[in-house]
Every structure is written in structure tokens, then in C-alpha cells.
Protein backbone atom coordinates (compact mmCIF):
# COMPACT_ATOMS: atom_id res chain seq x y z
CA MET A 1 -89.74 94.68 -165.65
CA SER A 2 -90.64 92.51 -162.55
CA SER A 3 -88.11 92.09 -159.75
CA LYS A 4 -87.89 88.43 -160.73
CA THR A 5 -86.80 89.37 -164.24
CA MET A 6 -84.30 91.92 -162.87
CA LYS A 7 -82.69 89.32 -160.56
CA LEU A 8 -82.17 87.08 -163.49
CA LEU A 9 -80.58 89.68 -165.50
CA ALA A 10 -78.45 91.03 -162.86
CA LYS A 11 -75.44 88.59 -162.90
CA PRO A 12 -75.40 88.45 -166.92
CA MET A 13 -75.01 92.20 -166.67
CA LEU A 14 -72.32 92.26 -164.39
CA PHE A 15 -70.68 89.62 -166.40
CA ALA A 16 -70.98 91.71 -169.62
CA THR A 17 -69.54 94.80 -167.50
CA ALA A 18 -66.30 92.57 -166.63
CA ILE A 19 -65.89 91.67 -170.29
CA ILE A 20 -66.53 95.05 -171.49
CA TRP A 21 -64.15 96.63 -169.03
CA GLY A 22 -61.46 93.81 -169.44
CA THR A 23 -61.48 94.08 -173.34
CA SER A 24 -61.17 97.89 -173.10
CA PHE A 25 -57.46 97.63 -172.00
CA PHE A 26 -56.01 96.45 -175.40
CA ILE A 27 -58.64 98.55 -177.27
CA MET A 28 -57.46 101.66 -175.59
CA LYS A 29 -53.65 100.65 -175.87
CA ASN A 30 -54.41 100.50 -179.80
CA ALA A 31 -56.10 103.90 -179.47
CA LEU A 32 -53.32 105.51 -177.89
CA ASP A 33 -51.09 104.93 -181.02
CA ILE A 34 -53.08 107.62 -182.56
CA ILE A 35 -54.66 109.89 -179.99
CA PRO A 36 -52.82 111.48 -177.17
CA VAL A 37 -53.93 110.65 -173.51
CA PHE A 38 -55.82 113.79 -172.38
CA ARG A 39 -57.52 114.07 -175.71
CA LEU A 40 -58.70 110.41 -175.43
CA LEU A 41 -60.16 111.00 -172.15
CA ALA A 42 -61.81 114.30 -173.09
CA VAL A 43 -63.69 112.44 -175.83
CA ARG A 44 -64.36 109.61 -173.91
CA PHE A 45 -65.92 111.21 -170.80
CA THR A 46 -67.70 114.03 -172.76
CA VAL A 47 -69.47 111.62 -175.12
CA GLY A 48 -70.16 109.18 -172.18
CA GLY A 49 -71.46 112.19 -169.96
CA ILE A 50 -73.86 113.18 -172.86
CA LEU A 51 -75.36 109.63 -173.40
CA LEU A 52 -75.67 108.95 -169.71
CA ALA A 53 -77.41 112.35 -169.15
CA ALA A 54 -79.75 111.51 -171.99
CA LEU A 55 -80.62 108.23 -170.43
CA CYS A 56 -81.33 109.78 -166.88
CA GLY A 57 -84.92 110.88 -167.87
CA GLY A 58 -86.96 111.59 -164.80
CA ARG A 59 -83.86 111.29 -162.58
CA TRP A 60 -83.25 115.20 -163.52
CA LYS A 61 -86.19 115.93 -161.01
CA LYS A 62 -83.76 114.99 -158.14
CA PHE A 63 -81.17 117.61 -159.43
CA THR A 64 -79.98 120.13 -156.57
CA PRO A 65 -77.16 122.45 -156.77
CA ASP A 66 -74.80 120.44 -154.55
CA TYR A 67 -74.52 117.90 -157.33
CA LEU A 68 -72.15 120.42 -159.06
CA TRP A 69 -69.44 120.47 -156.29
CA ARG A 70 -69.85 116.76 -155.51
CA GLY A 71 -69.44 116.00 -159.11
CA ALA A 72 -66.47 118.36 -159.41
CA ILE A 73 -64.50 116.48 -156.60
CA VAL A 74 -65.36 112.79 -157.52
CA GLY A 75 -64.83 113.92 -161.30
CA GLY A 76 -61.49 115.28 -160.28
CA MET A 77 -60.49 112.06 -158.55
CA LEU A 78 -61.67 110.14 -161.56
CA PHE A 79 -59.88 112.33 -163.95
CA ILE A 80 -56.55 111.89 -162.14
CA ALA A 81 -56.86 107.92 -161.61
CA TYR A 82 -57.65 107.66 -165.50
CA SER A 83 -54.86 109.90 -166.67
CA VAL A 84 -52.33 108.00 -164.64
CA GLN A 85 -53.77 104.71 -165.50
CA THR A 86 -53.90 105.67 -169.25
CA PHE A 87 -50.09 107.07 -169.02
CA GLY A 88 -49.13 103.89 -167.46
CA LEU A 89 -50.81 101.89 -170.19
CA SER A 90 -49.08 103.64 -172.97
CA MET A 91 -45.64 102.24 -171.40
CA THR A 92 -46.64 98.87 -170.27
CA THR A 93 -48.58 95.84 -171.60
CA PRO A 94 -52.49 95.70 -171.46
CA SER A 95 -52.52 92.69 -169.21
CA LYS A 96 -50.03 93.98 -166.83
CA ASN A 97 -52.10 97.35 -166.62
CA ALA A 98 -55.21 95.41 -165.90
CA PHE A 99 -53.97 93.52 -163.09
CA LEU A 100 -52.01 96.18 -161.53
CA THR A 101 -55.03 98.52 -161.80
CA ALA A 102 -56.96 95.99 -159.65
CA VAL A 103 -54.76 96.73 -156.67
CA TYR A 104 -57.05 99.38 -155.92
CA CYS A 105 -59.52 97.04 -154.49
CA VAL A 106 -56.98 95.87 -151.89
CA LEU A 107 -56.09 99.61 -151.08
CA VAL A 108 -59.71 100.89 -150.52
CA PRO A 109 -60.08 99.66 -146.96
CA PHE A 110 -56.78 101.30 -145.88
CA PHE A 111 -57.81 104.68 -147.46
CA THR A 112 -61.25 104.17 -145.56
CA TRP A 113 -59.32 103.63 -142.23
CA ALA A 114 -57.69 106.82 -142.76
CA VAL A 115 -60.74 108.87 -143.71
CA VAL A 116 -63.44 107.55 -141.50
CA ARG A 117 -61.40 105.45 -138.94
CA LYS A 118 -62.71 102.10 -139.83
CA ARG A 119 -59.96 99.75 -139.04
CA PRO A 120 -59.17 97.11 -141.78
CA ASP A 121 -59.95 93.46 -140.79
CA ARG A 122 -57.56 90.36 -141.04
CA TYR A 123 -58.76 89.73 -144.47
CA ASN A 124 -57.87 93.10 -145.81
CA ILE A 125 -54.37 92.64 -144.23
CA ALA A 126 -53.93 89.16 -145.72
CA ALA A 127 -55.19 90.51 -148.97
CA ALA A 128 -52.51 93.29 -148.87
CA LEU A 129 -49.78 90.75 -148.31
CA LEU A 130 -50.88 88.57 -151.04
CA CYS A 131 -51.15 91.73 -153.38
CA VAL A 132 -47.50 92.74 -152.58
CA ALA A 133 -46.30 89.41 -153.57
CA GLY A 134 -48.38 89.42 -156.63
CA VAL A 135 -47.12 92.66 -157.71
CA GLY A 136 -43.54 91.78 -157.08
CA LEU A 137 -43.91 88.75 -159.51
CA VAL A 138 -45.77 90.88 -162.05
CA SER A 139 -43.38 94.08 -162.01
CA LEU A 140 -40.04 93.35 -160.41
CA ASN A 141 -37.40 92.10 -162.93
CA ASP A 142 -34.28 90.06 -162.02
CA ARG A 143 -32.44 93.06 -160.94
CA LEU A 144 -35.44 93.92 -158.46
CA SER A 145 -36.27 97.09 -160.53
CA ILE A 146 -39.62 98.12 -162.00
CA ASN A 147 -40.45 99.68 -165.22
CA ALA A 148 -41.95 103.21 -165.50
CA GLY A 149 -45.23 101.89 -167.02
CA ASP A 150 -45.83 99.41 -164.19
CA LEU A 151 -44.84 101.85 -161.57
CA ILE A 152 -47.40 104.57 -162.91
CA THR A 153 -49.96 102.08 -163.10
CA LEU A 154 -49.49 101.16 -159.44
CA LEU A 155 -49.92 104.82 -158.67
CA CYS A 156 -53.07 104.99 -160.46
CA ALA A 157 -54.35 102.19 -158.19
CA VAL A 158 -53.76 104.51 -155.25
CA PHE A 159 -55.80 107.42 -157.04
CA TYR A 160 -58.65 104.87 -157.71
CA ALA A 161 -58.81 103.72 -154.22
CA ALA A 162 -59.03 107.64 -153.32
CA HIS A 163 -61.78 107.93 -155.88
CA ILE A 164 -63.80 105.21 -154.42
CA VAL A 165 -63.50 106.63 -150.97
CA SER A 166 -64.45 109.92 -152.23
CA VAL A 167 -67.57 108.65 -153.73
CA GLU A 168 -68.54 106.81 -150.61
CA LYS A 169 -68.29 110.23 -148.80
CA LEU A 170 -70.14 112.22 -151.17
CA ALA A 171 -72.76 109.86 -152.72
CA PRO A 172 -74.88 108.98 -149.77
CA GLY A 173 -78.51 110.52 -150.29
CA LYS A 174 -77.74 111.24 -153.83
CA ASP A 175 -79.01 109.53 -157.16
CA ILE A 176 -75.72 107.62 -158.16
CA THR A 177 -76.38 107.75 -161.97
CA LEU A 178 -77.15 111.46 -161.82
CA LEU A 179 -74.04 111.96 -159.66
CA THR A 180 -72.15 110.07 -162.22
CA VAL A 181 -73.38 112.36 -165.14
CA PHE A 182 -71.76 115.26 -163.21
CA GLN A 183 -68.54 113.09 -162.45
CA PHE A 184 -68.24 112.48 -166.25
CA ALA A 185 -68.84 116.04 -167.14
CA PHE A 186 -66.30 117.42 -164.89
CA ALA A 187 -63.77 114.73 -165.85
CA GLY A 188 -64.26 115.76 -169.44
CA LEU A 189 -63.70 119.47 -168.51
CA TYR A 190 -60.63 118.71 -166.66
CA SER A 191 -59.25 116.59 -169.67
CA TRP A 192 -60.15 119.37 -172.15
CA LEU A 193 -58.39 121.83 -169.90
CA PHE A 194 -55.20 119.73 -170.01
CA SER A 195 -55.36 118.56 -173.58
CA LEU A 196 -55.98 121.87 -175.45
CA PRO A 197 -52.85 123.57 -174.33
CA THR A 198 -50.39 120.78 -174.26
CA GLU A 199 -51.47 118.31 -176.96
CA ARG A 200 -51.62 118.55 -180.77
CA PHE A 201 -54.26 116.49 -182.46
CA ASP A 202 -56.57 116.73 -185.48
CA MET A 203 -59.88 115.86 -184.46
CA GLY A 204 -60.60 114.79 -188.08
CA LEU A 205 -58.71 111.63 -187.27
CA LEU A 206 -61.59 110.47 -185.06
CA LEU A 207 -63.53 109.81 -188.37
CA GLN A 208 -60.91 107.40 -189.63
CA ARG A 209 -61.69 103.78 -189.23
CA GLU A 210 -58.61 102.90 -187.03
CA LEU A 211 -59.59 105.31 -184.53
CA LEU A 212 -63.49 105.67 -184.92
CA TRP A 213 -64.52 102.18 -183.76
CA PRO A 214 -62.16 102.08 -180.86
CA MET A 215 -63.49 105.50 -179.52
CA VAL A 216 -67.11 104.34 -180.12
CA TYR A 217 -66.36 101.25 -178.05
CA LEU A 218 -64.63 103.07 -175.26
CA CYS A 219 -67.33 105.97 -175.18
CA VAL A 220 -70.58 103.91 -175.65
CA MET A 221 -69.78 100.44 -174.36
CA ALA A 222 -66.76 100.83 -171.77
CA THR A 223 -68.29 103.92 -170.23
CA THR A 224 -72.12 104.61 -170.63
CA VAL A 225 -73.28 100.71 -171.24
CA ALA A 226 -70.86 99.23 -168.58
CA LEU A 227 -71.79 101.98 -165.95
CA LEU A 228 -75.63 101.17 -166.33
CA PHE A 229 -75.03 97.46 -166.37
CA GLN A 230 -72.91 97.74 -163.26
CA ASN A 231 -75.54 100.03 -161.44
CA VAL A 232 -78.26 97.63 -162.30
CA GLY A 233 -76.32 94.48 -161.64
CA GLN A 234 -75.44 95.47 -158.18
CA ARG A 235 -78.73 96.83 -157.29
CA TRP A 236 -80.35 93.42 -157.94
CA SER A 237 -77.42 90.95 -156.77
CA ASP A 238 -75.79 90.16 -153.33
CA PRO A 239 -72.70 92.26 -152.81
CA ALA A 240 -70.32 89.02 -152.77
CA SER A 241 -71.47 87.76 -156.03
CA ALA A 242 -71.20 91.25 -157.64
CA SER A 243 -67.76 91.70 -156.21
CA VAL A 244 -66.68 88.25 -157.49
CA ILE A 245 -68.03 88.87 -160.97
CA LEU A 246 -66.64 92.42 -161.34
CA SER A 247 -63.28 91.40 -160.30
CA LEU A 248 -63.09 89.08 -163.44
CA GLU A 249 -62.51 92.37 -165.22
CA SER A 250 -58.58 91.81 -164.68
CA VAL A 251 -58.96 88.38 -165.97
CA PHE A 252 -60.69 89.17 -169.00
CA GLY A 253 -58.20 92.13 -169.52
CA VAL A 254 -55.35 89.43 -169.78
CA LEU A 255 -57.17 87.02 -171.98
CA SER A 256 -58.25 89.51 -174.63
CA SER A 257 -54.68 91.13 -174.43
CA VAL A 258 -53.14 87.66 -175.21
CA MET A 259 -55.77 86.70 -177.84
CA PHE A 260 -55.82 90.09 -179.68
CA TYR A 261 -52.97 92.17 -178.72
CA GLY A 262 -50.31 89.49 -178.66
CA ASP A 263 -49.23 90.14 -174.94
CA PRO A 264 -46.55 87.68 -173.87
CA VAL A 265 -47.40 85.78 -170.66
CA THR A 266 -44.96 83.82 -168.74
CA GLY A 267 -45.60 81.41 -165.72
CA ARG A 268 -44.05 84.17 -163.54
CA LEU A 269 -46.62 86.80 -164.64
CA LEU A 270 -49.57 84.13 -164.28
CA ALA A 271 -48.38 83.45 -160.68
CA GLY A 272 -48.59 87.13 -159.90
CA PHE A 273 -51.74 87.63 -161.65
CA GLY A 274 -53.28 84.70 -159.65
CA LEU A 275 -52.02 86.13 -156.34
CA ILE A 276 -53.50 89.68 -157.20
CA PHE A 277 -56.74 87.96 -158.17
CA VAL A 278 -56.93 85.95 -154.95
CA ALA A 279 -56.31 89.25 -153.05
CA VAL A 280 -58.91 91.18 -154.70
CA LEU A 281 -61.22 88.37 -154.00
CA CYS A 282 -60.22 88.22 -150.28
CA SER A 283 -60.44 91.97 -149.85
CA GLU A 284 -63.83 92.50 -151.68
CA THR A 285 -65.72 89.34 -150.43
CA LYS A 286 -63.64 87.81 -147.52
CA PHE A 287 -64.31 84.82 -149.35
CA GLY A 288 -68.17 84.87 -148.20
CA PHE A 289 -69.27 83.22 -151.46
CA LEU A 290 -67.37 79.95 -150.28
CA ARG A 291 -69.50 79.86 -146.91
CA LYS A 292 -72.94 78.24 -146.80
CA LYS A 293 -75.83 80.70 -145.78
CA PRO A 294 -77.61 79.61 -142.56
CA ASP A 295 -80.85 78.78 -144.46
CA GLN A 296 -78.79 76.51 -146.84
CA CYS A 297 -76.90 74.93 -143.99
CA LYS A 298 -80.26 74.26 -142.37
CA THR A 299 -81.66 72.83 -145.67
CA CYS A 300 -78.71 70.46 -145.74
CA GLU A 301 -79.04 69.20 -142.29
CA GLU A 302 -82.87 68.39 -142.84
CA GLY A 303 -82.13 66.71 -145.94
CA GLY A 304 -79.68 64.33 -144.12
């Protein structure tokens, strides 16, 4: 396809990614009623990795042995983040899990500071303060305590932030899609290693309609298709627009959870969700999408 066509498709692909990921929260919540956490992740990452490997085609020519240890590290971080998030989801509502997971966007600059000594800017600090206020509204009850599911979900945000930083350190110079194949492969391997000795599950249940279609959605759409759409969309979009669109994942997570799962949403929760969403926008985009570009300003001035 031409570059013009790819630019036209980029933003719809990013919107589709946000919708797919957003709707995956309540679908995964329903699946957890039947399949245990590690087995769900094992199947999801194994199938996703196989599908993505098949789509890589000529990219395999770029393979070098160091993809293995890099994939093992970033796959390990992804496995921990997803495991903690999924355990949190099993003990809280899909909508709260969606927004509390999004806290990782705010944490990334501070993890980067610790690893590469790049100091957070004023937008990152403001985002952190907004995020703390939002988390308080979402998670703290009248006795200022937090339930286990919300606390575990917040912990997963820490691991997602660490995962992002590990990718930033290990991905440069490598084909990101090919690296993701090994990331999924190792995340799936770790999931199997934890699942087989600790969980009992009849794999025949995967063929039952109640579990088959949710797992197909999680493996094909929420893993392989969404990742490809994200890679292509970010490649052909400006970073600010891409960040804004992808941050809508948490919004779609709430909407789908309320519509299809019956999640209760109060004014306090909405206020907390709103603060977290603004915090994510502040940290990810620094509100650059609100500022006119120099050429746009010049055009406005010339137009009177």
C-alpha cells in the first residue's frame, strides 16, 4: 500500500486497538470463571506467539541469537505484569481493573529516570499527582482502605511500567515484531511452567462455547491483531495522536464493562476515572495535541 493509504488507515487501526483491548477486560473476567489464571495466559501467549510468528514472513531473515535472551527478559516482565493484572481482575471489577492498569503510563517516566537518569519533567510530576488523586477516588473506601483486587492491579501497573522500560532498553536495533514473537513465546513458556504443577484444568473445556469464543477473541484479536494494528498505527501516526487514541483503551474498558458485564459506576468512580485519564494524557502527550503546530499558526496568521 502507498504511504498515503497507510496514513489514512493508521488512526482507525489505533482506534480498533483501543476498542479491542478495552473490551478484553470483561471478556477475560468471564473466562476466569472457568479457566485458572496461568492456564489462560499460557494458552493466550502460546497461540498469539504462533500466529504472530506465521505473520512475520521475511522478517525471520533478521533473526540473530540475541533475540532469544532479549525475548526471555522482556517476556518475563510481560508474564509477571499480565499474571498480576489477571489475578487482580479476578478480585475486582473489569472497569476498575482497566483504569488502575493504565496507571503504568504515569509510572514509566519515573522508572526511566531510575534506569537511564532521564529526569521526569513538570508534566510527569503533575500527572503523578493527578493519578494519585484519581486512584484514591477509585480504590479507597470510606475507611480509607483498599481491597485486595485493586491493590494487586496497582502492583501490576508497576510491572507494566518496568516492562515498557525493559523494551526501551533491549529493543533498539531489533525488529520489534520479531522480538515480540519471542516475548510471547517466553511469556507462554513461563505461564506453562507455573500452570502445570499448580493448576488443574481439563483442556477439553476449551472446546465448550462458553470458553472457546472468549479464548479465540483473547488469542487472535486482543493479542495478535491488536498488536499488529498498534505497530502499524504507531508507525504511520504522530506520537501525540497515537498516545491519545491508545489511552482510550481504559475508557472503552469501562464502557464495555458497564454495558456487557453490568459493572456499577458511581459519580465518585467516574471522577476517579476522569482524573486517571487526564493524568495519562498529561504524561503521554504533555497536551501537545492541544497546541497548534508552527505551520498551522503561520497559516492562521496569513489567513487573518
